[in-house]
Amino acid sequence: MFSIMDVFPTFAKLAGGNVPDDRPSDGIDQRNLLLGDNDADVANIC
């Protein structure tokens, strides 16, 4: 599942950047989903 909240952290990481840590972010980096990585670490989802 991919939410609109996941767009910023995912594309920030793809571009080589980081999500600011001075405020909360509900999004999750979904690079593994987009890149088809079957060995994805799903511990961050819940």
N, C-alpha and C. Protein backbone atom coordinates (compact mmCIF):
# COMPACT_ATOMS: atom_id res chain seq x y z
N MET A 1 0.83 -1.16 0.00
CA MET A 1 0.00 0.00 0.00
C MET A 1 0.88 1.24 0.00
N PHE A 2 0.51 2.21 -0.77
CA PHE A 2 1.28 3.44 -0.91
C PHE A 2 0.32 4.60 -0.66
N SER A 3 0.65 5.43 0.32
CA SER A 3 -0.19 6.57 0.66
C SER A 3 0.45 7.85 0.14
N ILE A 4 -0.35 8.89 -0.03
CA ILE A 4 0.18 10.18 -0.47
C ILE A 4 1.20 10.71 0.55
N MET A 5 1.06 10.33 1.82
CA MET A 5 2.02 10.76 2.84
C MET A 5 3.40 10.15 2.61
N ASP A 6 3.46 9.05 1.87
CA ASP A 6 4.72 8.36 1.62
C ASP A 6 5.51 8.97 0.46
N VAL A 7 4.90 9.85 -0.30
CA VAL A 7 5.57 10.41 -1.48
C VAL A 7 6.81 11.22 -1.08
N PHE A 8 6.68 12.12 -0.12
CA PHE A 8 7.81 12.98 0.25
C PHE A 8 9.01 12.19 0.76
N PRO A 9 8.86 11.31 1.76
CA PRO A 9 10.04 10.59 2.22
C PRO A 9 10.63 9.65 1.17
N THR A 10 9.78 9.08 0.33
CA THR A 10 10.27 8.16 -0.70
C THR A 10 11.11 8.89 -1.74
N PHE A 11 10.58 9.98 -2.28
CA PHE A 11 11.31 10.70 -3.32
C PHE A 11 12.49 11.49 -2.75
N ALA A 12 12.40 11.90 -1.50
CA ALA A 12 13.56 12.55 -0.87
C ALA A 12 14.73 11.58 -0.82
N LYS A 13 14.48 10.33 -0.41
CA LYS A 13 15.54 9.32 -0.34
C LYS A 13 16.03 8.95 -1.74
N LEU A 14 15.12 8.85 -2.71
CA LEU A 14 15.53 8.53 -4.08
C LEU A 14 16.45 9.62 -4.66
N ALA A 15 16.22 10.85 -4.25
CA ALA A 15 17.03 11.97 -4.72
C ALA A 15 18.31 12.14 -3.92
N GLY A 16 18.49 11.30 -2.89
CA GLY A 16 19.70 11.39 -2.08
C GLY A 16 19.60 12.31 -0.89
N GLY A 17 18.41 12.78 -0.60
CA GLY A 17 18.22 13.69 0.53
C GLY A 17 17.65 12.98 1.75
N ASN A 18 17.28 13.77 2.73
CA ASN A 18 16.69 13.27 3.96
C ASN A 18 15.44 14.06 4.30
N VAL A 19 14.56 13.45 5.03
CA VAL A 19 13.37 14.14 5.52
C VAL A 19 13.78 14.94 6.75
N PRO A 20 13.35 16.20 6.85
CA PRO A 20 13.70 16.99 8.04
C PRO A 20 13.24 16.30 9.32
N ASP A 21 14.07 16.35 10.33
CA ASP A 21 13.71 15.69 11.59
C ASP A 21 13.29 16.68 12.67
N ASP A 22 13.05 17.94 12.28
CA ASP A 22 12.62 18.94 13.26
C ASP A 22 11.10 19.00 13.43
N ARG A 23 10.39 18.13 12.71
CA ARG A 23 8.93 18.02 12.83
C ARG A 23 8.51 16.59 12.49
N PRO A 24 7.38 16.16 13.01
CA PRO A 24 6.94 14.78 12.76
C PRO A 24 6.52 14.57 11.30
N SER A 25 6.75 13.37 10.81
CA SER A 25 6.33 13.00 9.47
C SER A 25 5.71 11.61 9.54
N ASP A 26 4.51 11.47 9.01
CA ASP A 26 3.82 10.19 9.05
C ASP A 26 4.16 9.29 7.87
N GLY A 27 4.85 9.81 6.89
CA GLY A 27 5.16 9.03 5.71
C GLY A 27 6.27 8.02 5.95
N ILE A 28 6.27 6.97 5.14
CA ILE A 28 7.27 5.90 5.23
C ILE A 28 7.98 5.80 3.88
N ASP A 29 9.28 5.64 3.90
CA ASP A 29 10.07 5.45 2.69
C ASP A 29 9.63 4.16 2.00
N GLN A 30 9.09 4.27 0.81
CA GLN A 30 8.56 3.11 0.08
C GLN A 30 9.43 2.74 -1.12
N ARG A 31 10.73 3.02 -1.06
CA ARG A 31 11.62 2.67 -2.18
C ARG A 31 11.59 1.19 -2.49
N ASN A 32 11.52 0.35 -1.46
CA ASN A 32 11.52 -1.10 -1.70
C ASN A 32 10.31 -1.52 -2.53
N LEU A 33 9.17 -0.91 -2.28
CA LEU A 33 7.97 -1.22 -3.05
C LEU A 33 8.15 -0.78 -4.51
N LEU A 34 8.62 0.43 -4.71
CA LEU A 34 8.77 0.95 -6.06
C LEU A 34 9.84 0.22 -6.86
N LEU A 35 10.91 -0.17 -6.19
CA LEU A 35 12.03 -0.81 -6.88
C LEU A 35 11.90 -2.32 -6.95
N GLY A 36 10.85 -2.88 -6.35
CA GLY A 36 10.61 -4.31 -6.42
C GLY A 36 11.54 -5.14 -5.57
N ASP A 37 11.98 -4.60 -4.45
CA ASP A 37 12.87 -5.33 -3.55
C ASP A 37 12.06 -6.28 -2.69
N ASN A 38 12.18 -7.57 -2.94
CA ASN A 38 11.42 -8.58 -2.20
C ASN A 38 11.94 -8.79 -0.79
N ASP A 39 13.14 -8.34 -0.50
CA ASP A 39 13.73 -8.51 0.84
C ASP A 39 13.49 -7.28 1.69
N ALA A 40 12.39 -6.59 1.46
CA ALA A 40 12.09 -5.35 2.17
C ALA A 40 11.90 -5.60 3.65
N ASP A 41 12.37 -4.66 4.43
CA ASP A 41 12.19 -4.71 5.88
C ASP A 41 10.81 -4.12 6.20
N VAL A 42 9.88 -4.95 6.58
CA VAL A 42 8.52 -4.50 6.84
C VAL A 42 8.30 -4.13 8.31
N ALA A 43 9.34 -4.12 9.11
CA ALA A 43 9.20 -3.79 10.53
C ALA A 43 8.80 -2.33 10.73
N ASN A 44 9.06 -1.44 9.76
CA ASN A 44 8.77 -0.03 9.91
C ASN A 44 7.31 0.30 9.63
N ILE A 45 6.54 -0.64 9.13
CA ILE A 45 5.18 -0.34 8.69
C ILE A 45 4.23 -0.11 9.84
N CYS A 46 4.34 -0.86 10.90
CA CYS A 46 3.38 -0.72 12.00
C CYS A 46 3.89 0.18 13.08
